[in-house]
N, C-alpha and C. Protein backbone atom coordinates (compact mmCIF):
# COMPACT_ATOMS: atom_id res chain seq x y z
N MET A 1 29.68 107.49 87.23
CA MET A 1 29.46 108.66 86.39
C MET A 1 30.68 108.92 85.50
N CYS A 2 31.85 108.88 86.10
CA CYS A 2 33.07 109.14 85.34
C CYS A 2 33.29 108.09 84.26
N LEU A 3 32.98 106.84 84.59
CA LEU A 3 33.14 105.76 83.61
C LEU A 3 32.18 105.94 82.45
N ASP A 4 30.93 106.26 82.74
CA ASP A 4 29.94 106.47 81.67
C ASP A 4 30.36 107.60 80.74
N ILE A 5 30.82 108.69 81.30
CA ILE A 5 31.22 109.85 80.48
C ILE A 5 32.46 109.51 79.65
N ALA A 6 33.43 108.85 80.26
CA ALA A 6 34.64 108.46 79.51
C ALA A 6 34.29 107.50 78.38
N THR A 7 33.37 106.58 78.64
CA THR A 7 32.95 105.63 77.61
C THR A 7 32.26 106.36 76.46
N GLY A 8 31.40 107.30 76.79
CA GLY A 8 30.74 108.09 75.76
C GLY A 8 31.72 108.92 74.95
N MET A 9 32.66 109.52 75.62
CA MET A 9 33.66 110.33 74.92
C MET A 9 34.57 109.46 74.06
N ASN A 10 34.90 108.28 74.55
CA ASN A 10 35.71 107.36 73.75
C ASN A 10 34.97 106.97 72.47
N TYR A 11 33.67 106.75 72.59
CA TYR A 11 32.84 106.44 71.42
C TYR A 11 32.88 107.58 70.42
N LEU A 12 32.71 108.81 70.91
CA LEU A 12 32.73 109.96 70.01
C LEU A 12 34.08 110.09 69.30
N VAL A 13 35.16 109.97 70.07
CA VAL A 13 36.50 110.07 69.49
C VAL A 13 36.72 108.98 68.44
N ALA A 14 36.29 107.76 68.75
CA ALA A 14 36.45 106.65 67.81
C ALA A 14 35.70 106.88 66.50
N HIS A 15 34.68 107.73 66.56
CA HIS A 15 33.88 108.04 65.38
C HIS A 15 34.21 109.42 64.80
N GLY A 16 35.38 109.95 65.20
CA GLY A 16 35.87 111.19 64.62
C GLY A 16 35.13 112.45 65.05
N CYS A 17 34.46 112.39 66.18
CA CYS A 17 33.69 113.55 66.64
C CYS A 17 34.37 114.20 67.84
N LEU A 18 34.50 115.50 67.79
CA LEU A 18 34.98 116.27 68.94
C LEU A 18 33.76 116.90 69.60
N HIS A 19 33.73 116.90 70.91
CA HIS A 19 32.59 117.51 71.59
C HIS A 19 32.79 119.01 71.75
N THR A 20 33.90 119.42 72.30
CA THR A 20 34.35 120.80 72.50
C THR A 20 33.57 121.61 73.54
N LEU A 21 32.51 121.04 74.10
CA LEU A 21 31.76 121.73 75.16
C LEU A 21 31.52 120.81 76.34
N LEU A 22 32.41 119.84 76.55
CA LEU A 22 32.19 118.88 77.63
C LEU A 22 32.29 119.58 78.98
N ALA A 23 31.23 119.46 79.75
CA ALA A 23 31.14 120.01 81.10
C ALA A 23 30.03 119.22 81.79
N ALA A 24 30.03 119.21 83.10
CA ALA A 24 28.99 118.47 83.82
C ALA A 24 27.60 118.95 83.44
N ARG A 25 27.46 120.23 83.17
CA ARG A 25 26.15 120.77 82.81
C ARG A 25 25.64 120.21 81.48
N ASN A 26 26.53 119.60 80.70
CA ASN A 26 26.16 119.02 79.42
C ASN A 26 26.06 117.50 79.47
N CYS A 27 25.82 116.99 80.67
CA CYS A 27 25.60 115.56 80.87
C CYS A 27 24.28 115.39 81.62
N PHE A 28 23.62 114.28 81.40
CA PHE A 28 22.38 114.03 82.14
C PHE A 28 22.32 112.56 82.54
N ILE A 29 21.53 112.29 83.55
CA ILE A 29 21.37 110.93 84.05
C ILE A 29 20.04 110.38 83.55
N THR A 30 20.09 109.20 82.95
CA THR A 30 18.88 108.57 82.41
C THR A 30 18.09 107.88 83.52
N ASP A 31 16.90 107.42 83.17
CA ASP A 31 16.08 106.66 84.11
C ASP A 31 16.78 105.38 84.56
N GLU A 32 17.71 104.89 83.73
CA GLU A 32 18.46 103.68 84.05
C GLU A 32 19.74 103.99 84.83
N SER A 33 19.88 105.23 85.30
CA SER A 33 21.05 105.69 86.06
C SER A 33 22.35 105.66 85.26
N LEU A 34 22.25 105.85 83.95
CA LEU A 34 23.43 106.00 83.11
C LEU A 34 23.64 107.47 82.85
N VAL A 35 24.90 107.88 82.73
CA VAL A 35 25.19 109.26 82.40
C VAL A 35 25.41 109.35 80.89
N LYS A 36 24.69 110.26 80.28
CA LYS A 36 24.79 110.49 78.83
C LYS A 36 25.33 111.89 78.59
N ILE A 37 26.01 112.04 77.48
CA ILE A 37 26.60 113.32 77.10
C ILE A 37 25.64 114.02 76.16
N SER A 38 25.48 115.32 76.37
CA SER A 38 24.58 116.08 75.49
C SER A 38 25.26 117.38 75.06
N ASP A 39 24.51 118.22 74.40
CA ASP A 39 24.91 119.54 73.91
C ASP A 39 26.09 119.45 72.96
N TYR A 40 25.77 119.10 71.74
CA TYR A 40 26.77 119.03 70.68
C TYR A 40 26.71 120.28 69.81
N GLY A 41 26.32 121.40 70.42
CA GLY A 41 26.08 122.64 69.70
C GLY A 41 27.16 123.05 68.72
N ILE A 42 28.42 122.93 69.08
CA ILE A 42 29.48 123.34 68.15
C ILE A 42 30.42 122.18 67.80
N SER A 43 30.02 120.96 68.14
CA SER A 43 30.93 119.84 67.89
C SER A 43 31.25 119.67 66.42
N SER A 44 30.30 119.92 65.54
CA SER A 44 30.58 119.77 64.11
C SER A 44 31.21 121.02 63.52
N ALA A 45 31.19 122.12 64.27
CA ALA A 45 31.75 123.38 63.79
C ALA A 45 32.94 123.80 64.65
N ALA A 46 33.79 122.83 64.95
CA ALA A 46 34.89 123.09 65.89
C ALA A 46 35.81 124.20 65.42
N THR A 47 35.95 124.38 64.11
CA THR A 47 36.84 125.44 63.63
C THR A 47 36.25 126.82 63.85
N GLY A 48 34.96 126.89 64.15
CA GLY A 48 34.32 128.17 64.42
C GLY A 48 34.25 128.49 65.89
N TYR A 49 35.06 127.85 66.68
CA TYR A 49 35.10 128.03 68.12
C TYR A 49 35.32 129.50 68.45
N THR A 50 34.49 130.08 69.25
CA THR A 50 34.60 131.51 69.58
C THR A 50 35.71 131.78 70.59
N LYS A 51 36.37 132.90 70.44
CA LYS A 51 37.39 133.31 71.41
C LYS A 51 36.89 134.47 72.26
N ASP A 52 35.63 134.85 72.12
CA ASP A 52 35.05 135.88 72.97
C ASP A 52 35.01 135.32 74.39
N LEU A 53 35.83 135.87 75.29
CA LEU A 53 35.94 135.31 76.63
C LEU A 53 34.63 135.30 77.39
N ALA A 54 33.69 136.13 76.98
CA ALA A 54 32.38 136.13 77.64
C ALA A 54 31.59 134.88 77.26
N LEU A 55 31.84 134.33 76.07
CA LEU A 55 31.10 133.16 75.58
C LEU A 55 31.92 131.88 75.60
N PHE A 56 33.22 132.01 75.58
CA PHE A 56 34.14 130.88 75.49
C PHE A 56 34.19 130.12 76.82
N PRO A 57 34.12 128.78 76.80
CA PRO A 57 34.14 128.00 78.06
C PRO A 57 35.55 127.88 78.63
N VAL A 58 36.15 128.99 79.00
CA VAL A 58 37.54 129.06 79.45
C VAL A 58 37.82 128.08 80.58
N LYS A 59 36.92 127.96 81.52
CA LYS A 59 37.18 127.17 82.72
C LYS A 59 37.23 125.66 82.45
N TRP A 60 36.84 125.24 81.24
CA TRP A 60 36.89 123.84 80.85
C TRP A 60 37.86 123.62 79.69
N SER A 61 38.52 124.69 79.24
CA SER A 61 39.30 124.63 78.01
C SER A 61 40.78 124.34 78.21
N ALA A 62 41.30 123.53 77.31
CA ALA A 62 42.72 123.15 77.31
C ALA A 62 43.58 124.34 76.88
N PRO A 63 44.85 124.34 77.28
CA PRO A 63 45.75 125.44 76.93
C PRO A 63 45.81 125.73 75.43
N GLU A 64 45.80 124.69 74.61
CA GLU A 64 45.90 124.91 73.16
C GLU A 64 44.70 125.70 72.63
N LEU A 65 43.53 125.49 73.24
CA LEU A 65 42.36 126.26 72.82
C LEU A 65 42.48 127.70 73.27
N LEU A 66 43.08 127.90 74.42
CA LEU A 66 43.29 129.27 74.91
C LEU A 66 44.32 130.02 74.06
N ARG A 67 45.13 129.26 73.31
CA ARG A 67 46.08 129.86 72.36
C ARG A 67 45.48 129.95 70.96
N SER A 68 44.18 129.69 70.85
CA SER A 68 43.44 129.75 69.57
C SER A 68 43.84 128.66 68.58
N GLU A 69 44.37 127.55 69.09
CA GLU A 69 44.66 126.42 68.22
C GLU A 69 43.37 125.60 68.06
N PRO A 70 43.25 124.84 66.98
CA PRO A 70 42.03 124.06 66.79
C PRO A 70 41.89 122.94 67.84
N PRO A 71 40.67 122.62 68.21
CA PRO A 71 40.45 121.55 69.19
C PRO A 71 40.80 120.18 68.62
N THR A 72 41.18 119.28 69.52
CA THR A 72 41.47 117.89 69.16
C THR A 72 40.80 117.00 70.21
N ALA A 73 40.90 115.70 70.03
CA ALA A 73 40.39 114.76 71.04
C ALA A 73 41.10 114.99 72.38
N LYS A 74 42.36 115.41 72.35
CA LYS A 74 43.10 115.66 73.58
C LYS A 74 42.57 116.92 74.29
N SER A 75 41.98 117.85 73.55
CA SER A 75 41.32 119.00 74.18
C SER A 75 40.10 118.53 74.97
N ASP A 76 39.37 117.56 74.40
CA ASP A 76 38.23 116.98 75.11
C ASP A 76 38.67 116.22 76.35
N VAL A 77 39.85 115.61 76.30
CA VAL A 77 40.39 114.91 77.48
C VAL A 77 40.60 115.93 78.61
N TRP A 78 41.14 117.09 78.29
CA TRP A 78 41.34 118.14 79.31
C TRP A 78 39.99 118.47 79.96
N SER A 79 38.99 118.73 79.12
CA SER A 79 37.66 119.07 79.64
C SER A 79 37.08 117.94 80.48
N TYR A 80 37.34 116.71 80.08
CA TYR A 80 36.88 115.56 80.86
C TYR A 80 37.48 115.59 82.27
N GLY A 81 38.75 115.96 82.38
CA GLY A 81 39.37 116.08 83.70
C GLY A 81 38.65 117.11 84.55
N VAL A 82 38.19 118.19 83.94
CA VAL A 82 37.44 119.21 84.68
C VAL A 82 36.07 118.64 85.09
N VAL A 83 35.46 117.84 84.23
CA VAL A 83 34.18 117.20 84.58
C VAL A 83 34.38 116.26 85.77
N MET A 84 35.47 115.50 85.78
CA MET A 84 35.76 114.66 86.94
C MET A 84 35.86 115.51 88.19
N TRP A 85 36.54 116.65 88.07
CA TRP A 85 36.68 117.57 89.20
C TRP A 85 35.30 118.03 89.67
N GLU A 86 34.43 118.37 88.72
CA GLU A 86 33.07 118.80 89.08
C GLU A 86 32.32 117.70 89.83
N ILE A 87 32.47 116.47 89.38
CA ILE A 87 31.79 115.35 90.02
C ILE A 87 32.29 115.15 91.44
N PHE A 88 33.61 115.12 91.61
CA PHE A 88 34.17 114.87 92.94
C PHE A 88 34.07 116.07 93.88
N SER A 89 33.81 117.25 93.32
CA SER A 89 33.57 118.42 94.17
C SER A 89 32.09 118.56 94.50
N LYS A 90 31.31 117.57 94.07
CA LYS A 90 29.87 117.55 94.33
C LYS A 90 29.16 118.75 93.70
N GLY A 91 29.59 119.07 92.48
CA GLY A 91 28.90 120.09 91.71
C GLY A 91 29.43 121.50 91.80
N ASP A 92 30.57 121.69 92.44
CA ASP A 92 31.14 123.04 92.48
C ASP A 92 31.55 123.47 91.07
N LYS A 93 31.60 124.76 90.86
CA LYS A 93 32.05 125.29 89.57
C LYS A 93 33.58 125.37 89.60
N PRO A 94 34.24 124.90 88.55
CA PRO A 94 35.71 125.02 88.52
C PRO A 94 36.12 126.48 88.45
N HIS A 95 37.19 126.80 89.10
CA HIS A 95 37.74 128.18 89.08
C HIS A 95 36.70 129.20 89.51
N SER A 96 35.82 128.85 90.43
CA SER A 96 34.72 129.74 90.81
C SER A 96 35.20 131.09 91.36
N GLU A 97 36.39 131.10 91.92
CA GLU A 97 36.92 132.35 92.49
C GLU A 97 37.69 133.17 91.45
N ARG A 98 37.77 132.68 90.21
CA ARG A 98 38.52 133.37 89.16
C ARG A 98 37.60 133.78 88.02
N ASN A 99 37.84 134.94 87.46
CA ASN A 99 37.14 135.29 86.23
C ASN A 99 37.85 134.61 85.06
N ASN A 100 37.33 134.75 83.85
CA ASN A 100 37.90 134.05 82.70
C ASN A 100 39.34 134.47 82.41
N ILE A 101 39.64 135.74 82.55
CA ILE A 101 41.01 136.20 82.26
C ILE A 101 42.00 135.63 83.27
N VAL A 102 41.64 135.63 84.54
CA VAL A 102 42.51 135.07 85.58
C VAL A 102 42.63 133.56 85.41
N THR A 103 41.53 132.89 85.03
CA THR A 103 41.58 131.44 84.78
C THR A 103 42.51 131.14 83.62
N GLN A 104 42.42 131.92 82.55
CA GLN A 104 43.29 131.71 81.40
C GLN A 104 44.76 131.84 81.81
N THR A 105 45.09 132.84 82.58
CA THR A 105 46.47 133.02 83.06
C THR A 105 46.88 131.84 83.93
N PHE A 106 46.01 131.40 84.82
CA PHE A 106 46.26 130.26 85.70
C PHE A 106 46.64 129.03 84.87
N VAL A 107 45.83 128.73 83.87
CA VAL A 107 46.08 127.54 83.02
C VAL A 107 47.36 127.71 82.21
N MET A 108 47.56 128.89 81.64
CA MET A 108 48.75 129.10 80.82
C MET A 108 50.03 129.12 81.64
N ASN A 109 49.91 129.33 82.95
CA ASN A 109 51.06 129.22 83.85
C ASN A 109 51.27 127.79 84.33
N LYS A 110 50.58 126.85 83.70
CA LYS A 110 50.70 125.41 83.98
C LYS A 110 50.24 125.04 85.39
N GLU A 111 49.31 125.80 85.91
CA GLU A 111 48.73 125.48 87.22
C GLU A 111 47.47 124.64 86.99
N ILE A 112 47.14 123.81 87.97
CA ILE A 112 45.95 122.97 87.86
C ILE A 112 45.08 123.12 89.10
N LEU A 113 43.83 122.71 88.95
CA LEU A 113 42.90 122.75 90.07
C LEU A 113 43.37 121.80 91.17
N PRO A 114 43.19 122.18 92.43
CA PRO A 114 43.52 121.26 93.52
C PRO A 114 42.47 120.15 93.58
N ALA A 115 42.83 119.05 94.19
CA ALA A 115 41.88 117.95 94.35
C ALA A 115 40.72 118.39 95.24
N PRO A 116 39.49 118.09 94.83
CA PRO A 116 38.37 118.36 95.73
C PRO A 116 38.51 117.55 97.01
N LYS A 117 37.95 118.06 98.09
CA LYS A 117 38.01 117.39 99.39
C LYS A 117 37.54 115.94 99.23
N ALA A 118 38.25 115.03 99.86
CA ALA A 118 37.94 113.60 99.91
C ALA A 118 38.07 112.89 98.57
N THR A 119 38.76 113.49 97.60
CA THR A 119 39.00 112.81 96.33
C THR A 119 40.12 111.79 96.51
N PRO A 120 39.88 110.53 96.13
CA PRO A 120 40.95 109.54 96.23
C PRO A 120 42.17 109.95 95.39
N ASP A 121 43.34 109.65 95.88
CA ASP A 121 44.57 109.98 95.16
C ASP A 121 44.57 109.40 93.75
N SER A 122 44.05 108.18 93.61
CA SER A 122 44.04 107.53 92.29
C SER A 122 43.15 108.28 91.30
N ILE A 123 42.09 108.87 91.77
CA ILE A 123 41.20 109.66 90.91
C ILE A 123 41.88 110.98 90.54
N TYR A 124 42.49 111.63 91.53
CA TYR A 124 43.17 112.89 91.25
C TYR A 124 44.34 112.66 90.30
N HIS A 125 44.97 111.52 90.39
CA HIS A 125 46.06 111.17 89.46
C HIS A 125 45.52 111.15 88.02
N ILE A 126 44.35 110.59 87.82
CA ILE A 126 43.74 110.57 86.48
C ILE A 126 43.45 112.00 86.02
N MET A 127 42.87 112.80 86.92
CA MET A 127 42.60 114.21 86.57
C MET A 127 43.87 114.90 86.11
N LYS A 128 44.95 114.73 86.88
CA LYS A 128 46.21 115.39 86.53
C LYS A 128 46.75 114.91 85.18
N ARG A 129 46.53 113.64 84.86
CA ARG A 129 46.96 113.14 83.55
C ARG A 129 46.13 113.75 82.43
N CYS A 130 44.87 114.08 82.73
CA CYS A 130 44.02 114.78 81.76
C CYS A 130 44.52 116.20 81.52
N TRP A 131 45.14 116.78 82.55
CA TRP A 131 45.57 118.18 82.50
C TRP A 131 47.04 118.36 82.15
N ALA A 132 47.66 117.36 81.53
CA ALA A 132 49.04 117.55 81.06
C ALA A 132 49.03 118.75 80.11
N PHE A 133 49.96 119.65 80.28
CA PHE A 133 49.97 120.89 79.50
C PHE A 133 50.13 120.62 78.01
N VAL A 134 50.97 119.67 77.68
CA VAL A 134 51.20 119.31 76.27
C VAL A 134 50.19 118.22 75.89
N PRO A 135 49.39 118.44 74.85
CA PRO A 135 48.34 117.48 74.50
C PRO A 135 48.81 116.03 74.33
N ARG A 136 49.94 115.83 73.69
CA ARG A 136 50.40 114.45 73.45
C ARG A 136 50.72 113.70 74.75
N ASP A 137 50.91 114.45 75.85
CA ASP A 137 51.20 113.83 77.14
C ASP A 137 49.94 113.45 77.92
N ARG A 138 48.77 113.83 77.40
CA ARG A 138 47.53 113.52 78.11
C ARG A 138 47.13 112.08 77.90
N ILE A 139 46.45 111.57 78.90
CA ILE A 139 45.92 110.21 78.87
C ILE A 139 44.85 110.10 77.76
N LEU A 140 44.66 108.92 77.24
CA LEU A 140 43.61 108.66 76.24
C LEU A 140 42.33 108.23 76.96
N PHE A 141 41.18 108.43 76.33
CA PHE A 141 39.93 107.98 76.94
C PHE A 141 39.95 106.47 77.19
N GLU A 142 40.57 105.70 76.29
CA GLU A 142 40.67 104.24 76.50
C GLU A 142 41.38 103.92 77.81
N GLU A 143 42.45 104.63 78.09
CA GLU A 143 43.21 104.41 79.33
C GLU A 143 42.40 104.84 80.55
N ILE A 144 41.67 105.94 80.41
CA ILE A 144 40.82 106.41 81.51
C ILE A 144 39.80 105.33 81.86
N ILE A 145 39.17 104.77 80.85
CA ILE A 145 38.17 103.71 81.05
C ILE A 145 38.80 102.53 81.79
N GLU A 146 39.98 102.11 81.33
CA GLU A 146 40.67 100.98 81.96
C GLU A 146 40.97 101.27 83.42
N GLN A 147 41.50 102.46 83.71
CA GLN A 147 41.89 102.79 85.07
C GLN A 147 40.68 102.91 86.00
N ILE A 148 39.62 103.53 85.53
CA ILE A 148 38.42 103.67 86.36
C ILE A 148 37.77 102.31 86.58
N ASP A 149 37.76 101.48 85.55
CA ASP A 149 37.18 100.15 85.68
C ASP A 149 37.93 99.34 86.74
N ILE A 150 39.24 99.43 86.76
CA ILE A 150 40.05 98.74 87.77
C ILE A 150 39.70 99.27 89.16
N LEU A 151 39.58 100.59 89.29
CA LEU A 151 39.24 101.18 90.60
C LEU A 151 37.86 100.77 91.08
N ILE A 152 36.92 100.65 90.16
CA ILE A 152 35.56 100.23 90.54
C ILE A 152 35.56 98.79 91.02
N LYS A 153 36.30 97.93 90.32
CA LYS A 153 36.33 96.51 90.66
C LYS A 153 37.14 96.22 91.91
N SER A 154 38.15 97.05 92.16
CA SER A 154 39.01 96.79 93.30
C SER A 154 39.54 98.10 93.88
N PRO A 155 38.67 98.87 94.56
CA PRO A 155 39.13 100.15 95.09
C PRO A 155 40.16 99.97 96.19
N PRO A 156 41.22 100.76 96.15
CA PRO A 156 42.22 100.67 97.23
C PRO A 156 41.58 101.02 98.57
N SER A 157 41.76 100.16 99.56
CA SER A 157 41.10 100.37 100.84
C SER A 157 41.71 101.52 101.63
N ALA A 158 42.96 101.87 101.34
CA ALA A 158 43.60 102.93 102.11
C ALA A 158 43.18 104.32 101.67
N GLU A 159 42.49 104.41 100.54
CA GLU A 159 42.10 105.72 100.03
C GLU A 159 40.79 106.20 100.61
N LYS A 160 40.61 107.49 100.54
CA LYS A 160 39.38 108.11 101.02
C LYS A 160 38.32 108.06 99.91
N TRP A 161 37.16 107.54 100.19
CA TRP A 161 36.11 107.40 99.17
C TRP A 161 34.79 108.03 99.62
N SER A 162 34.82 109.00 100.51
CA SER A 162 33.56 109.59 100.96
C SER A 162 33.18 110.80 100.15
């Protein structure tokens, strides 16, 4: 699932498209068991991103978006890390115990979500690289694809994979 989503996001980035609403709820599984990305509602209108905390996807948003800066491909990388968290938490909502204002403070204080139970260290490492506070320090979708592909082909036996 993570590989399919990263591949789709890499394709979008390579074609100059920002998603800006990436979340597990905006992905679906095809009959061929591929994960596809959907809901491009504001992808072409990224500059019109709402800051109304009731409508704004705070729990998936990068710090720069919370500061009202325009979205970039690195903002989508942050959201991708949250999607990975959703997948490995088996569908839990990120920051479920926090409202949007508390979540915004949490993120702006450079705090990150803890690893979901039984998440392999190598996967959580990728998530943390997605959540680098400074956008230029975040991993690229190309690197995510490479790292996940290596893990799929040769998963470390000492890690927890349940």
